[in-house]
Amino acid sequence: MHITKPSRATHTHRQRLFAPAAKVFPLLCPVREAEWAEGWLPELVISSSGVAERDCVFITPEKSGKAIWYITRHEPEKWFVEMLKILPGVTACRLTIQLSENGSECFADITTPALVPLVTNSLLNSRLTIIISSCRRGKKH
């Protein structure tokens, strides 16, 4: 058995979204993401309701293998979601997204504490931008 101390990094940022939290939050889902993220296609989603919920598990293809995602907290009434992403042999991270109302818009506070090599927020940022663009175009979600 080999035990080692982790090397960790945390990324936190706030993103202004041009849609209300009630419209954005349901799109933070492995199933609903396919509605706005071109090319998004999880290989497997395990969910009692068919959408994001606590204990939902999904698997996505990555360049360096298959990522296993596990939703640990899903609190629609608080606009909060937390999930773990494990990419075996590469990294592990906990992703939290907290939405907050700001008139007809909202903010997304996104935090990703991760084991190094760093897991960055660039993909998440681009996906949230796509959500907002589709909301502006009036797509129904």
C-alpha atoms as a PDB file:
ATOM      1  CA  MET A   1       0.000   0.000   0.000  1.00  0.00           C
ATOM      2  CA  HIS A   2       1.270   3.427  -0.953  1.00  0.00           C
ATOM      3  CA  ILE A   3      -0.072   6.462   0.947  1.00  0.00           C
ATOM      4  CA  THR A   4       0.843   9.946  -0.197  1.00  0.00           C
ATOM      5  CA  LYS A   5      -0.181  13.505   0.607  1.00  0.00           C
ATOM      6  CA  PRO A   6      -2.332  15.141  -2.055  1.00  0.00           C
ATOM      7  CA  SER A   7      -1.329  18.142  -4.079  1.00  0.00           C
ATOM      8  CA  ARG A   8      -4.445  20.321  -4.276  1.00  0.00           C
ATOM      9  CA  ALA A   9      -5.508  23.474  -6.025  1.00  0.00           C
ATOM     10  CA  THR A  10      -8.802  25.352  -5.759  1.00  0.00           C
ATOM     11  CA  HIS A  11     -10.340  27.501  -8.460  1.00  0.00           C
ATOM     12  CA  THR A  12     -13.194  29.847  -7.570  1.00  0.00           C
ATOM     13  CA  HIS A  13     -14.897  32.406  -9.714  1.00  0.00           C
ATOM     14  CA  ARG A  14     -18.187  34.217 -10.195  1.00  0.00           C
ATOM     15  CA  GLN A  15     -19.939  34.356 -13.522  1.00  0.00           C
ATOM     16  CA  ARG A  16     -22.793  36.718 -14.395  1.00  0.00           C
ATOM     17  CA  LEU A  17     -25.516  34.904 -16.310  1.00  0.00           C
ATOM     18  CA  PHE A  18     -28.119  36.712 -18.357  1.00  0.00           C
ATOM     19  CA  ALA A  19     -31.053  34.549 -17.314  1.00  0.00           C
ATOM     20  CA  PRO A  20     -32.842  33.963 -14.002  1.00  0.00           C
ATOM     21  CA  ALA A  21     -31.678  31.164 -11.697  1.00  0.00           C
ATOM     22  CA  ALA A  22     -34.998  29.350 -12.191  1.00  0.00           C
ATOM     23  CA  LYS A  23     -34.228  29.002 -15.896  1.00  0.00           C
ATOM     24  CA  VAL A  24     -30.515  28.185 -15.506  1.00  0.00           C
ATOM     25  CA  PHE A  25     -30.562  25.681 -12.639  1.00  0.00           C
ATOM     26  CA  PRO A  26     -32.461  22.860 -14.426  1.00  0.00           C
ATOM     27  CA  LEU A  27     -29.840  22.991 -17.194  1.00  0.00           C
ATOM     28  CA  LEU A  28     -27.072  22.033 -14.741  1.00  0.00           C
ATOM     29  CA  CYS A  29     -27.878  18.411 -15.440  1.00  0.00           C
ATOM     30  CA  PRO A  30     -26.144  15.596 -17.334  1.00  0.00           C
ATOM     31  CA  VAL A  31     -29.298  14.926 -19.375  1.00  0.00           C
ATOM     32  CA  ARG A  32     -30.445  18.518 -20.003  1.00  0.00           C
ATOM     33  CA  GLU A  33     -26.906  19.599 -20.905  1.00  0.00           C
ATOM     34  CA  ALA A  34     -27.364  17.827 -24.249  1.00  0.00           C
ATOM     35  CA  GLU A  35     -29.976  20.509 -25.081  1.00  0.00           C
ATOM     36  CA  TRP A  36     -27.393  23.293 -25.152  1.00  0.00           C
ATOM     37  CA  ALA A  37     -23.872  21.813 -25.281  1.00  0.00           C
ATOM     38  CA  GLU A  38     -22.995  20.620 -28.760  1.00  0.00           C
ATOM     39  CA  GLY A  39     -21.343  17.224 -28.624  1.00  0.00           C
ATOM     40  CA  TRP A  40     -22.331  16.534 -24.997  1.00  0.00           C
ATOM     41  CA  LEU A  41     -23.292  12.892 -24.768  1.00  0.00           C
ATOM     42  CA  PRO A  42     -22.751  11.041 -21.501  1.00  0.00           C
ATOM     43  CA  GLU A  43     -22.247   7.323 -22.042  1.00  0.00           C
ATOM     44  CA  LEU A  44     -24.389   6.447 -19.032  1.00  0.00           C
ATOM     45  CA  VAL A  45     -26.696   8.320 -16.655  1.00  0.00           C
ATOM     46  CA  ILE A  46     -28.056   6.586 -13.560  1.00  0.00           C
ATOM     47  CA  SER A  47     -30.972   8.607 -12.178  1.00  0.00           C
ATOM     48  CA  SER A  48     -34.314   7.696 -10.602  1.00  0.00           C
ATOM     49  CA  SER A  49     -35.990  10.820 -11.995  1.00  0.00           C
ATOM     50  CA  GLY A  50     -34.228  10.849 -15.367  1.00  0.00           C
ATOM     51  CA  VAL A  51     -32.496  14.169 -14.641  1.00  0.00           C
ATOM     52  CA  ALA A  52     -30.036  15.619 -12.117  1.00  0.00           C
ATOM     53  CA  GLU A  53     -30.732  14.610  -8.522  1.00  0.00           C
ATOM     54  CA  ARG A  54     -28.817  13.644  -5.405  1.00  0.00           C
ATOM     55  CA  ASP A  55     -26.954  10.339  -5.971  1.00  0.00           C
ATOM     56  CA  CYS A  56     -27.194  10.634  -9.762  1.00  0.00           C
ATOM     57  CA  VAL A  57     -24.145   9.072 -11.419  1.00  0.00           C
ATOM     58  CA  PHE A  58     -22.998   9.680 -14.965  1.00  0.00           C
ATOM     59  CA  ILE A  59     -20.012   8.756 -17.105  1.00  0.00           C
ATOM     60  CA  THR A  60     -18.495  10.963 -19.788  1.00  0.00           C
ATOM     61  CA  PRO A  61     -15.737  10.253 -22.287  1.00  0.00           C
ATOM     62  CA  GLU A  62     -12.560  12.291 -21.782  1.00  0.00           C
ATOM     63  CA  LYS A  63      -9.308  12.416 -23.768  1.00  0.00           C
ATOM     64  CA  SER A  64      -7.518  10.478 -21.031  1.00  0.00           C
ATOM     65  CA  GLY A  65     -10.272   7.995 -20.163  1.00  0.00           C
ATOM     66  CA  LYS A  66     -13.791   7.896 -18.768  1.00  0.00           C
ATOM     67  CA  ALA A  67     -14.830  10.382 -16.094  1.00  0.00           C
ATOM     68  CA  ILE A  68     -17.195   9.237 -13.368  1.00  0.00           C
ATOM     69  CA  TRP A  69     -19.425  11.983 -11.960  1.00  0.00           C
ATOM     70  CA  TYR A  70     -21.471  11.658  -8.761  1.00  0.00           C
ATOM     71  CA  ILE A  71     -23.968  14.329  -7.662  1.00  0.00           C
ATOM     72  CA  THR A  72     -23.587  14.568  -3.890  1.00  0.00           C
ATOM     73  CA  ARG A  73     -25.954  17.502  -3.314  1.00  0.00           C
ATOM     74  CA  HIS A  74     -28.784  18.779  -5.465  1.00  0.00           C
ATOM     75  CA  GLU A  75     -30.826  21.544  -3.837  1.00  0.00           C
ATOM     76  CA  PRO A  76     -33.090  23.280  -6.376  1.00  0.00           C
ATOM     77  CA  GLU A  77     -34.769  25.379  -3.684  1.00  0.00           C
ATOM     78  CA  LYS A  78     -31.337  26.893  -2.883  1.00  0.00           C
ATOM     79  CA  TRP A  79     -30.047  26.858  -6.507  1.00  0.00           C
ATOM     80  CA  PHE A  80     -27.108  24.705  -5.354  1.00  0.00           C
ATOM     81  CA  VAL A  81     -25.462  21.618  -6.835  1.00  0.00           C
ATOM     82  CA  GLU A  82     -22.315  19.742  -5.803  1.00  0.00           C
ATOM     83  CA  MET A  83     -20.739  16.850  -7.640  1.00  0.00           C
ATOM     84  CA  LEU A  84     -17.576  14.801  -7.640  1.00  0.00           C
ATOM     85  CA  LYS A  85     -15.650  14.053 -10.811  1.00  0.00           C
ATOM     86  CA  ILE A  86     -13.164  11.201 -10.796  1.00  0.00           C
ATOM     87  CA  LEU A  87     -10.920  10.612 -13.780  1.00  0.00           C
ATOM     88  CA  PRO A  88      -9.023   7.502 -12.685  1.00  0.00           C
ATOM     89  CA  GLY A  89      -5.257   7.916 -12.804  1.00  0.00           C
ATOM     90  CA  VAL A  90      -5.572  11.604 -13.672  1.00  0.00           C
ATOM     91  CA  THR A  91      -7.473  13.705 -11.144  1.00  0.00           C
ATOM     92  CA  ALA A  92     -10.376  14.026  -8.741  1.00  0.00           C
ATOM     93  CA  CYS A  93     -12.373  17.156  -8.032  1.00  0.00           C
ATOM     94  CA  ARG A  94     -15.451  18.429  -6.260  1.00  0.00           C
ATOM     95  CA  LEU A  95     -17.440  20.951  -8.250  1.00  0.00           C
ATOM     96  CA  THR A  96     -19.933  23.269  -6.560  1.00  0.00           C
ATOM     97  CA  ILE A  97     -22.230  25.721  -8.304  1.00  0.00           C
ATOM     98  CA  GLN A  98     -24.286  28.203  -6.306  1.00  0.00           C
ATOM     99  CA  LEU A  99     -26.672  30.412  -8.251  1.00  0.00           C
ATOM    100  CA  SER A 100     -27.942  33.670  -6.786  1.00  0.00           C
ATOM    101  CA  GLU A 101     -30.673  35.930  -8.133  1.00  0.00           C
ATOM    102  CA  ASN A 102     -29.787  39.358  -9.486  1.00  0.00           C
ATOM    103  CA  GLY A 103     -32.996  40.832 -10.858  1.00  0.00           C
ATOM    104  CA  SER A 104     -33.746  39.140 -14.191  1.00  0.00           C
ATOM    105  CA  GLU A 105     -30.233  37.656 -14.204  1.00  0.00           C
ATOM    106  CA  CYS A 106     -28.229  35.535 -11.810  1.00  0.00           C
ATOM    107  CA  PHE A 107     -24.689  34.875 -10.678  1.00  0.00           C
ATOM    108  CA  ALA A 108     -23.008  31.473 -10.655  1.00  0.00           C
ATOM    109  CA  ASP A 109     -20.369  31.041  -7.958  1.00  0.00           C
ATOM    110  CA  ILE A 110     -18.287  28.086  -9.097  1.00  0.00           C
ATOM    111  CA  THR A 111     -15.660  26.338  -6.985  1.00  0.00           C
ATOM    112  CA  THR A 112     -13.497  23.383  -7.952  1.00  0.00           C
ATOM    113  CA  PRO A 113     -11.080  22.076  -5.340  1.00  0.00           C
ATOM    114  CA  ALA A 114      -9.036  19.489  -7.247  1.00  0.00           C
ATOM    115  CA  LEU A 115      -6.076  17.215  -7.016  1.00  0.00           C
ATOM    116  CA  VAL A 116      -3.239  18.290  -9.285  1.00  0.00           C
ATOM    117  CA  PRO A 117      -2.885  18.107 -12.240  1.00  0.00           C
ATOM    118  CA  LEU A 118      -5.267  21.020 -12.153  1.00  0.00           C
ATOM    119  CA  VAL A 119      -8.843  20.680 -13.246  1.00  0.00           C
ATOM    120  CA  THR A 120      -9.725  24.035 -14.773  1.00  0.00           C
ATOM    121  CA  ASN A 121     -13.042  25.794 -15.172  1.00  0.00           C
ATOM    122  CA  SER A 122     -12.616  26.638 -18.870  1.00  0.00           C
ATOM    123  CA  LEU A 123     -14.962  23.909 -20.108  1.00  0.00           C
ATOM    124  CA  LEU A 124     -17.562  24.758 -17.471  1.00  0.00           C
ATOM    125  CA  ASN A 125     -17.318  28.471 -18.328  1.00  0.00           C
ATOM    126  CA  SER A 126     -17.923  27.803 -22.005  1.00  0.00           C
ATOM    127  CA  ARG A 127     -20.883  25.550 -21.201  1.00  0.00           C
ATOM    128  CA  LEU A 128     -22.509  28.130 -18.893  1.00  0.00           C
ATOM    129  CA  THR A 129     -22.061  30.740 -21.623  1.00  0.00           C
ATOM    130  CA  ILE A 130     -23.886  28.436 -24.050  1.00  0.00           C
ATOM    131  CA  ILE A 131     -26.745  28.005 -21.532  1.00  0.00           C
ATOM    132  CA  ILE A 132     -27.216  31.735 -21.340  1.00  0.00           C
ATOM    133  CA  SER A 133     -27.025  32.166 -25.107  1.00  0.00           C
ATOM    134  CA  SER A 134     -29.754  29.570 -25.594  1.00  0.00           C
ATOM    135  CA  CYS A 135     -31.880  31.221 -22.887  1.00  0.00           C
ATOM    136  CA  ARG A 136     -31.533  34.566 -24.674  1.00  0.00           C
ATOM    137  CA  ARG A 137     -32.618  33.002 -27.967  1.00  0.00           C
ATOM    138  CA  GLY A 138     -35.793  31.883 -26.214  1.00  0.00           C
ATOM    139  CA  LYS A 139     -35.200  28.157 -26.368  1.00  0.00           C
ATOM    140  CA  LYS A 140     -37.472  26.328 -23.974  1.00  0.00           C
ATOM    141  CA  HIS A 141     -35.654  24.447 -21.217  1.00  0.00           C
END
